[in-house]
Protein backbone atom coordinates (compact mmCIF):
# COMPACT_ATOMS: atom_id res chain seq x y z
CA MET A 1 -18.28 -4.88 -13.93
CA SER A 2 -20.32 -7.43 -11.38
CA ILE A 3 -17.80 -9.15 -8.44
CA GLN A 4 -19.21 -11.64 -6.27
CA PHE A 5 -17.37 -12.07 -3.30
CA ILE A 6 -16.31 -15.76 -2.43
CA GLY A 7 -14.78 -15.95 0.62
CA ILE A 8 -11.97 -14.82 2.80
CA ASP A 9 -9.27 -16.40 4.77
CA PRO A 10 -11.45 -17.94 7.89
CA ASN A 11 -8.28 -17.40 10.36
CA THR A 12 -7.91 -13.84 9.07
CA GLY A 13 -6.03 -11.78 11.72
CA GLN A 14 -5.80 -8.02 12.11
CA GLY A 15 -3.92 -6.48 8.91
CA GLU A 16 -4.45 -9.85 7.03
CA SER A 17 -7.20 -10.78 4.90
CA PRO A 18 -6.64 -13.02 1.48
CA THR A 19 -9.77 -12.62 -0.16
CA VAL A 20 -11.24 -14.15 -3.27
CA TRP A 21 -13.97 -12.66 -5.70
CA VAL A 22 -15.19 -13.39 -9.37
CA ASP A 23 -15.76 -11.17 -11.85
CA GLU A 24 -18.84 -12.43 -13.36
CA SER A 25 -18.99 -10.29 -16.48
CA LYS A 26 -15.34 -11.32 -17.65
CA GLY A 27 -15.65 -15.05 -16.42
CA GLU A 28 -12.37 -14.04 -13.89
CA LEU A 29 -10.87 -14.75 -10.47
CA ILE A 30 -9.85 -11.84 -8.45
CA ILE A 31 -7.39 -12.59 -5.44
CA GLN A 32 -6.38 -10.99 -2.79
CA GLY A 33 -3.18 -12.30 -1.17
CA TRP A 34 0.07 -11.26 0.67
CA LYS A 35 2.81 -10.17 -1.23
CA PRO A 36 5.87 -12.78 -1.67
CA ASP A 37 9.20 -12.22 -0.50
CA ALA A 38 11.96 -11.56 -3.05
CA GLU A 39 13.04 -15.23 -3.14
CA THR A 40 9.85 -16.46 -3.59
CA GLU A 41 8.99 -13.82 -6.27
CA ALA A 42 12.59 -14.76 -8.18
CA GLU A 43 11.64 -18.69 -7.88
CA CYS A 44 8.32 -17.94 -9.38
CA ALA A 45 9.95 -15.79 -12.23
CA ARG A 46 12.48 -18.35 -12.78
CA PHE A 47 9.76 -20.96 -14.24
CA GLN A 48 9.34 -21.11 -18.16
CA ALA A 49 6.46 -22.73 -19.69
CA PRO A 50 6.85 -24.02 -23.26
CA ASP A 51 6.34 -21.14 -25.61
CA HIS A 52 6.22 -18.68 -22.91
CA ALA A 53 8.92 -16.68 -21.75
CA ALA A 54 10.15 -16.79 -18.12
CA GLY A 55 9.66 -13.67 -15.64
CA ILE A 56 6.67 -12.25 -14.69
CA PRO A 57 5.19 -9.15 -16.92
CA ASP A 58 5.53 -5.64 -15.43
CA HIS A 59 1.57 -5.90 -15.09
CA GLU A 60 1.26 -9.10 -13.39
CA GLN A 61 1.68 -10.09 -9.81
CA VAL A 62 2.33 -12.92 -7.90
CA VAL A 63 0.25 -13.63 -4.39
CA ARG A 64 0.32 -16.00 -1.68
CA ILE A 65 -2.62 -17.45 -0.14
CA PRO A 66 -3.03 -20.02 2.29
CA ALA A 67 -3.93 -23.51 1.35
CA ARG A 68 -6.77 -23.15 3.52
CA MET A 69 -8.50 -21.51 1.17
CA THR A 70 -8.68 -24.39 -1.08
CA SER A 71 -12.54 -24.51 -0.82
CA ILE A 72 -12.83 -21.13 -1.50
CA LEU A 73 -10.98 -21.21 -4.57
CA ARG A 74 -12.77 -24.18 -6.19
CA GLU A 75 -16.08 -22.25 -5.13
CA ALA A 76 -14.64 -19.32 -7.05
CA CYS A 77 -13.80 -21.61 -10.02
CA ASP A 78 -17.40 -23.24 -9.97
CA ALA A 79 -18.88 -19.75 -10.08
CA ALA A 80 -16.29 -18.34 -12.50
CA GLU A 81 -17.10 -21.15 -14.69
CA ARG A 82 -20.93 -20.71 -14.60
CA ALA A 83 -20.60 -16.98 -15.62
CA GLN A 84 -18.91 -17.99 -18.38
CA LEU A 85 -21.89 -20.69 -19.27
CA ARG A 86 -24.44 -17.61 -19.27
């Protein structure tokens, strides 16, 4: 596995560190964020895309990261795309 650190929340405080990495070998983003509260998780679980069951599968997790990390996510997306083009 070849994981590349992309960035951390620039306003990170003690005990909080939303972070983004890219797994270059799989072309995937890895995101560390805050656990959602029950209300947020329930709202996300209600969403149903066409041809897709509603709910959050047991093997998946909803996380929250601050919007100020948008540029870090863009950089991670670009890195993941580059990894897939190799």
